[in-house]
PDB file of N, CA and C in Angstrom:
ATOM      1  N   MET A   1     -71.912 140.966 -31.041  1.00  0.00           N
ATOM      2  CA  MET A   1     -71.801 140.422 -29.969  1.00  0.00           C
ATOM      3  C   MET A   1     -72.168 138.896 -29.351  1.00  0.00           C
ATOM      4  N   TYR A   2     -72.658 138.464 -30.541  1.00  0.00           N
ATOM      5  CA  TYR A   2     -73.383 137.071 -30.095  1.00  0.00           C
ATOM      6  C   TYR A   2     -72.382 136.155 -30.194  1.00  0.00           C
ATOM      7  N   ARG A   3     -71.786 136.494 -31.681  1.00  0.00           N
ATOM      8  CA  ARG A   3     -70.476 135.583 -31.458  1.00  0.00           C
ATOM      9  C   ARG A   3     -69.536 135.862 -30.682  1.00  0.00           C
ATOM     10  N   ARG A   4     -69.207 136.634 -29.958  1.00  0.00           N
ATOM     11  CA  ARG A   4     -68.088 136.720 -28.872  1.00  0.00           C
ATOM     12  C   ARG A   4     -68.427 135.834 -27.932  1.00  0.00           C
ATOM     13  N   ILE A   5     -69.872 136.234 -27.403  1.00  0.00           N
ATOM     14  CA  ILE A   5     -70.285 135.087 -26.246  1.00  0.00           C
ATOM     15  C   ILE A   5     -69.599 133.470 -26.350  1.00  0.00           C
ATOM     16  N   ARG A   6     -70.544 133.124 -28.201  1.00  0.00           N
ATOM     17  CA  ARG A   6     -70.321 131.876 -28.145  1.00  0.00           C
ATOM     18  C   ARG A   6     -68.856 131.318 -28.138  1.00  0.00           C
ATOM     19  N   ASP A   7     -67.778 132.409 -28.942  1.00  0.00           N
ATOM     20  CA  ASP A   7     -66.410 132.084 -29.229  1.00  0.00           C
ATOM     21  C   ASP A   7     -65.982 131.676 -27.662  1.00  0.00           C
ATOM     22  N   LEU A   8     -66.268 132.865 -26.460  1.00  0.00           N
ATOM     23  CA  LEU A   8     -65.333 132.827 -25.519  1.00  0.00           C
ATOM     24  C   LEU A   8     -66.182 131.277 -24.430  1.00  0.00           C
ATOM     25  N   ARG A   9     -67.386 130.929 -24.847  1.00  0.00           N
ATOM     26  CA  ARG A   9     -67.824 130.461 -24.686  1.00  0.00           C
ATOM     27  C   ARG A   9     -66.845 128.703 -25.053  1.00  0.00           C
ATOM     28  N   GLU A  10     -66.669 128.788 -25.937  1.00  0.00           N
ATOM     29  CA  GLU A  10     -65.924 127.819 -26.642  1.00  0.00           C
ATOM     30  C   GLU A  10     -64.659 127.595 -26.200  1.00  0.00           C
ATOM     31  N   ASP A  11     -64.117 128.968 -26.485  1.00  0.00           N
ATOM     32  CA  ASP A  11     -62.757 128.675 -26.114  1.00  0.00           C
ATOM     33  C   ASP A  11     -62.563 128.344 -23.868  1.00  0.00           C
ATOM     34  N   HIS A  12     -63.470 128.475 -23.468  1.00  0.00           N
ATOM     35  CA  HIS A  12     -63.368 127.945 -22.076  1.00  0.00           C
ATOM     36  C   HIS A  12     -63.694 126.676 -22.324  1.00  0.00           C
ATOM     37  N   ASP A  13     -64.292 125.541 -23.224  1.00  0.00           N
ATOM     38  CA  ASP A  13     -64.360 124.308 -23.319  1.00  0.00           C
ATOM     39  C   ASP A  13     -65.684 124.275 -22.426  1.00  0.00           C
ATOM     40  N   LEU A  14     -66.741 124.851 -22.476  1.00  0.00           N
ATOM     41  CA  LEU A  14     -68.035 124.834 -22.046  1.00  0.00           C
ATOM     42  C   LEU A  14     -69.033 124.852 -22.706  1.00  0.00           C
ATOM     43  N   THR A  15     -69.574 124.461 -22.086  1.00  0.00           N
ATOM     44  CA  THR A  15     -71.196 123.940 -23.055  1.00  0.00           C
ATOM     45  C   THR A  15     -72.505 124.754 -22.561  1.00  0.00           C
ATOM     46  N   GLN A  16     -73.604 125.268 -23.361  1.00  0.00           N
ATOM     47  CA  GLN A  16     -74.553 126.027 -23.323  1.00  0.00           C
ATOM     48  C   GLN A  16     -75.359 125.660 -22.226  1.00  0.00           C
ATOM     49  N   LYS A  17     -75.263 124.037 -21.977  1.00  0.00           N
ATOM     50  CA  LYS A  17     -75.970 124.081 -20.515  1.00  0.00           C
ATOM     51  C   LYS A  17     -74.985 124.740 -19.091  1.00  0.00           C
ATOM     52  N   GLN A  18     -73.717 124.007 -18.873  1.00  0.00           N
ATOM     53  CA  GLN A  18     -73.212 124.642 -17.950  1.00  0.00           C
ATOM     54  C   GLN A  18     -72.882 125.688 -18.315  1.00  0.00           C
ATOM     55  N   VAL A  19     -72.820 126.762 -18.865  1.00  0.00           N
ATOM     56  CA  VAL A  19     -73.097 128.464 -18.418  1.00  0.00           C
ATOM     57  C   VAL A  19     -74.237 128.902 -18.280  1.00  0.00           C
ATOM     58  N   ALA A  20     -75.528 128.093 -18.959  1.00  0.00           N
ATOM     59  CA  ALA A  20     -76.677 128.394 -18.198  1.00  0.00           C
ATOM     60  C   ALA A  20     -76.895 128.554 -16.847  1.00  0.00           C
ATOM     61  N   GLN A  21     -76.519 127.270 -16.077  1.00  0.00           N
ATOM     62  CA  GLN A  21     -76.878 127.069 -14.957  1.00  0.00           C
ATOM     63  C   GLN A  21     -76.084 127.614 -13.900  1.00  0.00           C
ATOM     64  N   ILE A  22     -74.730 127.920 -14.716  1.00  0.00           N
ATOM     65  CA  ILE A  22     -74.022 129.350 -13.572  1.00  0.00           C
ATOM     66  C   ILE A  22     -74.780 130.464 -13.580  1.00  0.00           C
ATOM     67  N   LEU A  23     -74.907 130.914 -14.955  1.00  0.00           N
ATOM     68  CA  LEU A  23     -76.341 131.622 -15.147  1.00  0.00           C
ATOM     69  C   LEU A  23     -77.844 131.775 -14.082  1.00  0.00           C
ATOM     70  N   GLY A  24     -78.447 130.936 -14.397  1.00  0.00           N
ATOM     71  CA  GLY A  24     -79.633 130.091 -12.654  1.00  0.00           C
ATOM     72  C   GLY A  24     -79.949 130.522 -14.603  1.00  0.00           C
ATOM     73  N   MET A  25     -80.352 130.134 -15.340  1.00  0.00           N
ATOM     74  CA  MET A  25     -81.215 129.450 -16.927  1.00  0.00           C
ATOM     75  C   MET A  25     -81.134 128.580 -17.063  1.00  0.00           C
ATOM     76  N   SER A  26     -82.211 128.331 -18.090  1.00  0.00           N
ATOM     77  CA  SER A  26     -82.279 127.352 -19.393  1.00  0.00           C
ATOM     78  C   SER A  26     -80.953 127.321 -20.032  1.00  0.00           C
ATOM     79  N   GLN A  27     -80.917 125.773 -20.874  1.00  0.00           N
ATOM     80  CA  GLN A  27     -80.173 125.887 -21.906  1.00  0.00           C
ATOM     81  C   GLN A  27     -80.713 127.153 -22.682  1.00  0.00           C
ATOM     82  N   THR A  28     -81.883 126.315 -22.754  1.00  0.00           N
ATOM     83  CA  THR A  28     -82.777 127.416 -24.156  1.00  0.00           C
ATOM     84  C   THR A  28     -83.077 129.056 -23.971  1.00  0.00           C
ATOM     85  N   GLY A  29     -83.010 129.241 -23.078  1.00  0.00           N
ATOM     86  CA  GLY A  29     -82.986 131.053 -22.307  1.00  0.00           C
ATOM     87  C   GLY A  29     -81.462 131.489 -23.152  1.00  0.00           C
ATOM     88  N   TYR A  30     -80.484 130.808 -22.749  1.00  0.00           N
ATOM     89  CA  TYR A  30     -79.489 131.018 -23.115  1.00  0.00           C
ATOM     90  C   TYR A  30     -78.875 130.897 -24.581  1.00  0.00           C
ATOM     91  N   SER A  31     -79.510 129.708 -25.051  1.00  0.00           N
ATOM     92  CA  SER A  31     -79.219 129.702 -26.812  1.00  0.00           C
ATOM     93  C   SER A  31     -79.621 130.793 -27.280  1.00  0.00           C
ATOM     94  N   LYS A  32     -80.614 131.237 -26.954  1.00  0.00           N
ATOM     95  CA  LYS A  32     -81.260 132.311 -27.355  1.00  0.00           C
ATOM     96  C   LYS A  32     -80.289 133.467 -27.479  1.00  0.00           C
ATOM     97  N   TYR A  33     -79.846 133.274 -26.970  1.00  0.00           N
ATOM     98  CA  TYR A  33     -78.713 134.749 -26.714  1.00  0.00           C
ATOM     99  C   TYR A  33     -77.721 133.659 -27.287  1.00  0.00           C
ATOM    100  N   GLU A  34     -77.544 133.666 -27.802  1.00  0.00           N
ATOM    101  CA  GLU A  34     -75.652 133.430 -28.782  1.00  0.00           C
ATOM    102  C   GLU A  34     -76.564 133.102 -29.933  1.00  0.00           C
ATOM    103  N   THR A  35     -77.605 133.194 -30.223  1.00  0.00           N
ATOM    104  CA  THR A  35     -78.231 133.630 -31.819  1.00  0.00           C
ATOM    105  C   THR A  35     -78.549 134.697 -32.197  1.00  0.00           C
ATOM    106  N   GLY A  36     -79.018 135.656 -31.050  1.00  0.00           N
ATOM    107  CA  GLY A  36     -79.364 137.106 -31.219  1.00  0.00           C
ATOM    108  C   GLY A  36     -80.795 136.883 -31.254  1.00  0.00           C
ATOM    109  N   GLU A  37     -81.592 136.017 -30.861  1.00  0.00           N
ATOM    110  CA  GLU A  37     -82.871 135.921 -30.942  1.00  0.00           C
ATOM    111  C   GLU A  37     -83.902 136.803 -30.129  1.00  0.00           C
ATOM    112  N   ASN A  38     -82.802 136.917 -28.457  1.00  0.00           N
ATOM    113  CA  ASN A  38     -82.909 137.548 -27.241  1.00  0.00           C
ATOM    114  C   ASN A  38     -81.724 138.581 -27.135  1.00  0.00           C
ATOM    115  N   ASP A  39     -82.146 139.744 -26.527  1.00  0.00           N
ATOM    116  CA  ASP A  39     -80.834 140.779 -26.366  1.00  0.00           C
ATOM    117  C   ASP A  39     -80.362 140.320 -24.308  1.00  0.00           C
ATOM    118  N   ILE A  40     -79.467 140.531 -24.609  1.00  0.00           N
ATOM    119  CA  ILE A  40     -78.733 139.740 -23.002  1.00  0.00           C
ATOM    120  C   ILE A  40     -78.782 141.005 -21.769  1.00  0.00           C
ATOM    121  N   PRO A  41     -79.975 140.840 -21.057  1.00  0.00           N
ATOM    122  CA  PRO A  41     -79.634 141.299 -19.728  1.00  0.00           C
ATOM    123  C   PRO A  41     -78.532 142.250 -19.602  1.00  0.00           C
ATOM    124  N   THR A  42     -78.487 143.668 -18.998  1.00  0.00           N
ATOM    125  CA  THR A  42     -77.018 143.531 -18.647  1.00  0.00           C
ATOM    126  C   THR A  42     -76.743 142.778 -17.533  1.00  0.00           C
ATOM    127  N   ALA A  43     -77.961 142.530 -16.374  1.00  0.00           N
ATOM    128  CA  ALA A  43     -77.292 141.671 -15.178  1.00  0.00           C
ATOM    129  C   ALA A  43     -76.521 140.503 -15.642  1.00  0.00           C
ATOM    130  N   VAL A  44     -77.107 140.022 -16.960  1.00  0.00           N
ATOM    131  CA  VAL A  44     -76.496 138.914 -17.734  1.00  0.00           C
ATOM    132  C   VAL A  44     -75.378 139.286 -17.959  1.00  0.00           C
ATOM    133  N   LEU A  45     -74.949 140.337 -18.900  1.00  0.00           N
ATOM    134  CA  LEU A  45     -74.304 140.954 -19.340  1.00  0.00           C
ATOM    135  C   LEU A  45     -72.862 140.560 -18.681  1.00  0.00           C
ATOM    136  N   ILE A  46     -73.117 141.352 -17.304  1.00  0.00           N
ATOM    137  CA  ILE A  46     -72.372 141.839 -16.279  1.00  0.00           C
ATOM    138  C   ILE A  46     -72.116 139.984 -15.437  1.00  0.00           C
ATOM    139  N   LYS A  47     -72.576 139.225 -15.069  1.00  0.00           N
ATOM    140  CA  LYS A  47     -72.172 138.159 -15.133  1.00  0.00           C
ATOM    141  C   LYS A  47     -71.544 137.463 -16.338  1.00  0.00           C
ATOM    142  N   LEU A  48     -71.725 137.311 -17.358  1.00  0.00           N
ATOM    143  CA  LEU A  48     -70.481 137.059 -18.411  1.00  0.00           C
ATOM    144  C   LEU A  48     -69.449 137.303 -18.697  1.00  0.00           C
ATOM    145  N   ALA A  49     -69.198 138.815 -18.507  1.00  0.00           N
ATOM    146  CA  ALA A  49     -67.956 138.998 -18.136  1.00  0.00           C
ATOM    147  C   ALA A  49     -67.209 138.835 -17.073  1.00  0.00           C
ATOM    148  N   ASP A  50     -67.870 138.456 -15.877  1.00  0.00           N
ATOM    149  CA  ASP A  50     -67.170 138.305 -14.904  1.00  0.00           C
ATOM    150  C   ASP A  50     -66.563 136.397 -14.905  1.00  0.00           C
ATOM    151  N   LEU A  51     -67.369 135.801 -15.506  1.00  0.00           N
ATOM    152  CA  LEU A  51     -67.244 134.948 -16.149  1.00  0.00           C
ATOM    153  C   LEU A  51     -65.369 134.029 -16.623  1.00  0.00           C
ATOM    154  N   TYR A  52     -66.238 135.269 -17.817  1.00  0.00           N
ATOM    155  CA  TYR A  52     -64.906 134.906 -18.603  1.00  0.00           C
ATOM    156  C   TYR A  52     -63.594 136.340 -18.325  1.00  0.00           C
ATOM    157  N   LYS A  53     -63.633 136.610 -17.422  1.00  0.00           N
ATOM    158  CA  LYS A  53     -62.996 137.768 -16.786  1.00  0.00           C
ATOM    159  C   LYS A  53     -62.182 139.020 -17.919  1.00  0.00           C
ATOM    160  N   THR A  54     -63.269 139.187 -18.969  1.00  0.00           N
ATOM    161  CA  THR A  54     -62.853 140.321 -19.738  1.00  0.00           C
ATOM    162  C   THR A  54     -64.339 141.468 -19.578  1.00  0.00           C
ATOM    163  N   SER A  55     -64.469 142.560 -20.424  1.00  0.00           N
ATOM    164  CA  SER A  55     -65.158 143.553 -20.228  1.00  0.00           C
ATOM    165  C   SER A  55     -66.276 143.092 -20.875  1.00  0.00           C
ATOM    166  N   ILE A  56     -67.174 144.304 -20.413  1.00  0.00           N
ATOM    167  CA  ILE A  56     -68.415 143.957 -21.183  1.00  0.00           C
ATOM    168  C   ILE A  56     -68.113 145.097 -22.205  1.00  0.00           C
ATOM    169  N   ASP A  57     -67.510 145.654 -22.627  1.00  0.00           N
ATOM    170  CA  ASP A  57     -67.252 146.189 -24.031  1.00  0.00           C
ATOM    171  C   ASP A  57     -66.826 145.038 -24.568  1.00  0.00           C
ATOM    172  N   TYR A  58     -66.402 144.634 -24.712  1.00  0.00           N
ATOM    173  CA  TYR A  58     -65.769 143.619 -25.425  1.00  0.00           C
ATOM    174  C   TYR A  58     -66.864 142.425 -26.053  1.00  0.00           C
ATOM    175  N   LEU A  59     -67.357 142.409 -24.754  1.00  0.00           N
ATOM    176  CA  LEU A  59     -68.388 141.526 -25.060  1.00  0.00           C
ATOM    177  C   LEU A  59     -69.149 142.101 -25.914  1.00  0.00           C
ATOM    178  N   LEU A  60     -69.694 143.302 -25.690  1.00  0.00           N
ATOM    179  CA  LEU A  60     -70.641 144.693 -26.641  1.00  0.00           C
ATOM    180  C   LEU A  60     -70.221 144.478 -27.826  1.00  0.00           C
ATOM    181  N   GLY A  61     -68.557 144.116 -28.311  1.00  0.00           N
ATOM    182  CA  GLY A  61     -67.981 144.147 -29.835  1.00  0.00           C
ATOM    183  C   GLY A  61     -67.322 146.251 -30.164  1.00  0.00           C
ATOM    184  N   ARG A  62     -67.742 146.424 -28.858  1.00  0.00           N
ATOM    185  CA  ARG A  62     -67.302 148.350 -28.530  1.00  0.00           C
ATOM    186  C   ARG A  62     -65.732 148.429 -28.503  1.00  0.00           C
ATOM    187  N   THR A  63     -64.313 147.033 -28.225  1.00  0.00           N
ATOM    188  CA  THR A  63     -63.569 146.806 -27.928  1.00  0.00           C
ATOM    189  C   THR A  63     -62.981 145.699 -28.698  1.00  0.00           C
ATOM    190  N   ASP A  64     -62.284 145.506 -29.049  1.00  0.00           N
ATOM    191  CA  ASP A  64     -61.469 143.898 -29.240  1.00  0.00           C
ATOM    192  C   ASP A  64     -60.355 143.667 -28.497  1.00  0.00           C
ATOM    193  N   THR A  65     -59.642 144.556 -26.994  1.00  0.00           N
ATOM    194  CA  THR A  65     -59.644 144.286 -26.346  1.00  0.00           C
ATOM    195  C   THR A  65     -60.093 143.603 -24.982  1.00  0.00           C
ATOM    196  N   ARG A  66     -59.642 142.162 -25.128  1.00  0.00           N
ATOM    197  CA  ARG A  66     -60.397 141.686 -23.961  1.00  0.00           C
ATOM    198  C   ARG A  66     -59.948 141.978 -22.401  1.00  0.00           C
TER     199      ARG A  66
END
């Protein structure tokens, strides 16, 4: 899952800082999601799925279909 959110961010040419601003959090906090240091709250998963126009199942690795 953590690799997928990093790959999606990079595919959209966004920095961690830009995504963190969209989510209303610090870059450091967001970075911890990408490294797996912190679990991603449901509300953040929803925002990421909306941002990247994909499903939460894709973000969680439950499907390979975006």
